[in-house]
Amino acid sequence: MMDEGCAKMIRKIEDHIRQKYGVEPEHPWGKYPENTTYKARENEKWFVLVMPVARHALGLPGEGVVYVMNVKAKPELISMIVGAEGYLPAYHMNKQHWLTVLLDGTVPAEQVLERIEDSYILVTESASERIYEAVRRIPKGKVATYGQVAAMAGNPKMSRAVGNALHKNPDPEGTPCYRVVNARGELSGEFAFGGPGEQAKRLAADGIEVIDGKVDLKKYGM
């Protein structure tokens, strides 16, 4: 039986991941309905696994089970943190690159969320870089759709992830994300690219005509 403190922590993890990364929990194993996975939208790879594990299987005293979270982490962090209270070698995963975190309140919630952020970045950094490289290949005077960028980045199914990566673009000058539009040629919302009308201004500077918030894909599309 899960205690209320653990249940609260798991709800906090689920809400945080849903709000920050737009990812819903999945339960891929019918035989183990309490095992919950979270996949990055960029590449469909796990970045968090929550599950109950028998205490004795983790070398912990007492009987029953404890809920844990497996996350990806840098080897240097793992070597430093394993052995600290609440941090264990990865259970049933690569111990050089994954870490097990107790969810019984031993590890403070803020640290749990930090480990999730670290894991997400490690799992998605290669996919994001492929997206940025694809965007850098869009020539001046042309636009590409999110789907086209996804295909150029090697995964046609991650068009939604393209938008997520571009809004975190660390190099807006070198990676012209304003050249990306939706499948109807419509520009992004006004919150993007520095304020209202900014995307249209940058496209106009490229020689691309914007009419009523749209670009003619037949004329300007790649």
Protein backbone atom coordinates (compact mmCIF):
# COMPACT_ATOMS: atom_id res chain seq x y z
CA MET A 1 0.00 0.00 0.00
CA MET A 2 1.45 3.36 -1.04
CA ASP A 3 1.69 5.90 1.79
CA GLU A 4 0.32 9.40 1.29
CA GLY A 5 3.76 11.05 1.20
CA CYS A 6 4.89 8.82 -1.65
CA ALA A 7 1.59 9.28 -3.51
CA LYS A 8 1.98 13.05 -3.20
CA MET A 9 5.51 12.89 -4.61
CA ILE A 10 4.38 10.79 -7.58
CA ARG A 11 1.53 13.20 -8.31
CA LYS A 12 4.00 16.09 -8.15
CA ILE A 13 6.27 14.32 -10.66
CA GLU A 14 3.35 13.63 -13.01
CA ASP A 15 2.06 17.22 -12.85
CA HIS A 16 5.54 18.69 -13.29
CA ILE A 17 6.34 16.55 -16.34
CA ARG A 18 2.96 17.25 -17.91
CA GLN A 19 3.26 21.02 -17.43
CA LYS A 20 6.94 21.47 -18.29
CA TYR A 21 7.47 18.90 -21.04
CA GLY A 22 3.95 18.23 -22.32
CA VAL A 23 4.40 14.51 -21.68
CA GLU A 24 1.73 12.16 -20.37
CA PRO A 25 2.46 9.08 -18.24
CA GLU A 26 2.38 5.69 -19.92
CA HIS A 27 1.86 2.21 -18.47
CA PRO A 28 3.42 -0.08 -21.09
CA TRP A 29 3.38 -3.33 -19.11
CA GLY A 30 -0.04 -4.78 -18.40
CA LYS A 31 1.53 -7.19 -15.92
CA TYR A 32 2.95 -4.26 -13.94
CA PRO A 33 0.27 -1.52 -14.02
CA GLU A 34 2.02 0.59 -11.38
CA ASN A 35 5.15 0.96 -13.51
CA THR A 36 5.00 4.38 -15.18
CA THR A 37 7.21 5.65 -17.98
CA TYR A 38 7.65 9.11 -19.50
CA LYS A 39 9.00 9.51 -23.04
CA ALA A 40 10.57 12.63 -24.50
CA ARG A 41 8.52 13.93 -27.42
CA GLU A 42 11.69 14.66 -29.40
CA ASN A 43 12.72 11.05 -29.81
CA GLU A 44 10.29 8.79 -27.91
CA LYS A 45 13.00 7.76 -25.43
CA TRP A 46 12.37 7.29 -21.73
CA PHE A 47 13.68 9.94 -19.40
CA VAL A 48 11.80 8.84 -16.25
CA LEU A 49 10.62 5.45 -15.00
CA VAL A 50 8.61 5.26 -11.75
CA MET A 51 7.96 1.86 -10.17
CA PRO A 52 7.56 -0.05 -6.91
CA VAL A 53 10.50 -2.27 -5.98
CA ALA A 54 10.88 -4.71 -3.11
CA ARG A 55 13.04 -3.16 -0.42
CA HIS A 56 15.28 -6.22 -0.18
CA ALA A 57 15.96 -6.02 -3.95
CA LEU A 58 17.51 -2.61 -3.35
CA GLY A 59 19.44 -3.71 -0.29
CA LEU A 60 17.19 -1.66 2.00
CA PRO A 61 16.15 -2.80 5.46
CA GLY A 62 12.57 -3.75 6.21
CA GLU A 63 9.85 -5.55 4.31
CA GLY A 64 7.44 -4.53 1.57
CA VAL A 65 8.10 -2.23 -1.37
CA VAL A 66 9.32 1.30 -1.92
CA TYR A 67 8.57 3.50 -4.92
CA VAL A 68 11.57 4.69 -6.89
CA MET A 69 12.37 6.81 -9.93
CA ASN A 70 15.00 5.84 -12.49
CA VAL A 71 16.53 8.77 -14.37
CA LYS A 72 19.44 9.24 -16.73
CA ALA A 73 22.44 11.08 -15.29
CA LYS A 74 26.02 11.93 -16.16
CA PRO A 75 28.51 9.29 -14.99
CA GLU A 76 30.42 11.86 -12.91
CA LEU A 77 27.24 12.82 -11.04
CA ILE A 78 26.35 9.17 -10.46
CA SER A 79 29.78 8.42 -9.01
CA MET A 80 29.42 11.33 -6.59
CA ILE A 81 25.78 10.96 -5.57
CA VAL A 82 25.23 7.20 -5.29
CA GLY A 83 25.45 6.36 -1.63
CA ALA A 84 24.02 9.69 -0.50
CA GLU A 85 20.72 9.34 1.33
CA GLY A 86 18.00 8.30 -1.10
CA TYR A 87 20.28 7.72 -4.11
CA LEU A 88 21.03 4.17 -5.28
CA PRO A 89 22.68 2.43 -8.24
CA ALA A 90 20.19 2.12 -11.09
CA TYR A 91 17.78 -0.75 -10.59
CA HIS A 92 17.58 -2.99 -13.70
CA MET A 93 19.16 -0.30 -15.90
CA ASN A 94 22.67 0.67 -16.97
CA LYS A 95 24.36 1.74 -13.75
CA GLN A 96 26.91 3.92 -15.57
CA HIS A 97 24.26 6.17 -17.08
CA TRP A 98 21.16 5.75 -14.91
CA LEU A 99 20.35 6.45 -11.29
CA THR A 100 17.65 5.26 -8.87
CA VAL A 101 16.03 7.83 -6.57
CA LEU A 102 13.81 6.93 -3.62
CA LEU A 103 10.40 8.62 -3.66
CA ASP A 104 9.56 8.07 0.00
CA GLY A 105 10.50 11.61 1.02
CA THR A 106 14.15 10.80 1.68
CA VAL A 107 15.15 12.97 -1.29
CA PRO A 108 13.58 16.48 -1.22
CA ALA A 109 11.09 17.27 -3.99
CA GLU A 110 13.27 20.01 -5.47
CA GLN A 111 16.12 17.52 -5.94
CA VAL A 112 13.75 15.00 -7.51
CA LEU A 113 12.69 17.62 -10.07
CA GLU A 114 16.34 18.57 -10.70
CA ARG A 115 17.15 14.94 -11.51
CA ILE A 116 14.20 14.86 -13.94
CA GLU A 117 15.49 17.99 -15.69
CA ASP A 118 19.00 16.53 -15.95
CA SER A 119 17.59 13.31 -17.40
CA TYR A 120 15.40 15.10 -19.94
CA ILE A 121 18.32 17.17 -21.20
CA LEU A 122 20.58 14.12 -21.56
CA VAL A 123 17.93 12.13 -23.41
CA THR A 124 16.94 14.93 -25.81
CA GLU A 125 20.11 16.93 -26.46
CA SER A 126 21.07 14.96 -29.58
CA ALA A 127 17.55 15.22 -31.04
CA SER A 128 17.40 18.96 -30.38
CA GLU A 129 20.75 19.50 -32.06
CA ARG A 130 19.53 17.61 -35.14
CA ILE A 131 16.50 19.92 -35.21
CA TYR A 132 18.68 23.03 -34.95
CA GLU A 133 20.96 21.74 -37.70
CA ALA A 134 17.94 21.13 -39.93
CA VAL A 135 16.68 24.67 -39.36
CA ARG A 136 20.10 26.07 -40.21
CA ARG A 137 19.75 24.38 -43.61
CA ILE A 138 16.62 26.38 -44.52
CA PRO A 139 17.91 28.91 -47.09
CA LYS A 140 17.21 32.60 -46.94
CA GLY A 141 14.04 33.38 -48.87
CA LYS A 142 12.42 30.03 -48.01
CA VAL A 143 10.39 28.56 -45.16
CA ALA A 144 9.90 25.00 -43.94
CA THR A 145 7.05 23.43 -42.00
CA TYR A 146 7.46 21.74 -38.65
CA GLY A 147 6.92 18.40 -40.39
CA GLN A 148 9.63 19.13 -42.94
CA VAL A 149 12.09 20.08 -40.20
CA ALA A 150 11.24 16.88 -38.33
CA ALA A 151 11.90 14.82 -41.46
CA MET A 152 15.16 16.67 -42.10
CA ALA A 153 16.15 15.93 -38.49
CA GLY A 154 15.58 12.23 -39.07
CA ASN A 155 12.16 11.58 -37.50
CA PRO A 156 9.02 12.71 -39.38
CA LYS A 157 6.89 11.90 -36.32
CA MET A 158 8.43 14.54 -34.06
CA SER A 159 6.94 17.66 -35.66
CA ARG A 160 5.41 18.73 -32.32
CA ALA A 161 8.80 18.35 -30.71
CA VAL A 162 10.27 20.73 -33.30
CA GLY A 163 8.20 23.60 -31.91
CA ASN A 164 9.26 22.71 -28.38
CA ALA A 165 12.95 22.73 -29.35
CA LEU A 166 12.71 25.95 -31.33
CA HIS A 167 11.12 27.87 -28.48
CA LYS A 168 14.17 26.87 -26.41
CA ASN A 169 16.55 27.85 -29.22
CA PRO A 170 19.84 28.81 -27.50
CA ASP A 171 21.19 30.57 -30.61
CA PRO A 172 18.39 32.55 -32.32
CA GLU A 173 20.84 34.46 -34.49
CA GLY A 174 22.59 31.38 -35.80
CA THR A 175 19.49 29.16 -35.96
CA PRO A 176 16.76 31.01 -37.91
CA CYS A 177 13.71 29.43 -36.27
CA TYR A 178 11.52 32.23 -37.65
CA ARG A 179 11.74 30.41 -41.02
CA VAL A 180 9.58 27.58 -39.64
CA VAL A 181 5.79 27.74 -40.11
CA ASN A 182 2.95 25.30 -39.66
CA ALA A 183 1.52 23.02 -42.34
CA ARG A 184 -0.83 25.78 -43.55
CA GLY A 185 1.94 28.35 -43.79
CA GLU A 186 0.77 30.17 -40.66
CA LEU A 187 3.22 31.96 -38.41
CA SER A 188 3.77 31.10 -34.76
CA GLY A 189 1.97 32.82 -31.91
CA GLU A 190 2.92 36.34 -30.97
CA PHE A 191 4.85 35.16 -27.93
CA ALA A 192 7.59 33.79 -30.17
CA PHE A 193 10.66 35.45 -31.71
CA GLY A 194 10.72 38.51 -29.48
CA GLY A 195 7.19 39.92 -29.61
CA PRO A 196 4.18 40.73 -31.79
CA GLY A 197 4.95 40.84 -35.50
CA GLU A 198 8.62 39.97 -35.08
CA GLN A 199 8.46 36.76 -37.11
CA ALA A 200 6.74 38.56 -39.97
CA LYS A 201 9.38 41.31 -39.87
CA ARG A 202 12.22 38.81 -40.06
CA LEU A 203 10.59 36.92 -42.90
CA ALA A 204 10.04 40.20 -44.77
CA ALA A 205 13.73 40.98 -44.35
CA ASP A 206 14.40 37.62 -46.05
CA GLY A 207 12.22 38.70 -48.96
CA ILE A 208 9.25 36.54 -47.95
CA GLU A 209 5.77 38.04 -48.23
CA VAL A 210 3.43 37.51 -45.28
CA ILE A 211 -0.30 38.09 -45.87
CA ASP A 212 -2.77 37.85 -42.99
CA GLY A 213 -0.26 35.94 -40.89
CA LYS A 214 0.44 33.35 -43.57
CA VAL A 215 3.14 32.50 -46.09
CA ASP A 216 2.40 31.04 -49.52
CA LEU A 217 4.04 27.63 -49.26
CA LYS A 218 3.84 27.04 -53.01
CA LYS A 219 5.92 30.14 -53.56
CA TYR A 220 8.24 30.15 -50.55
CA GLY A 221 8.21 26.60 -49.22
CA MET A 222 11.25 24.36 -49.51
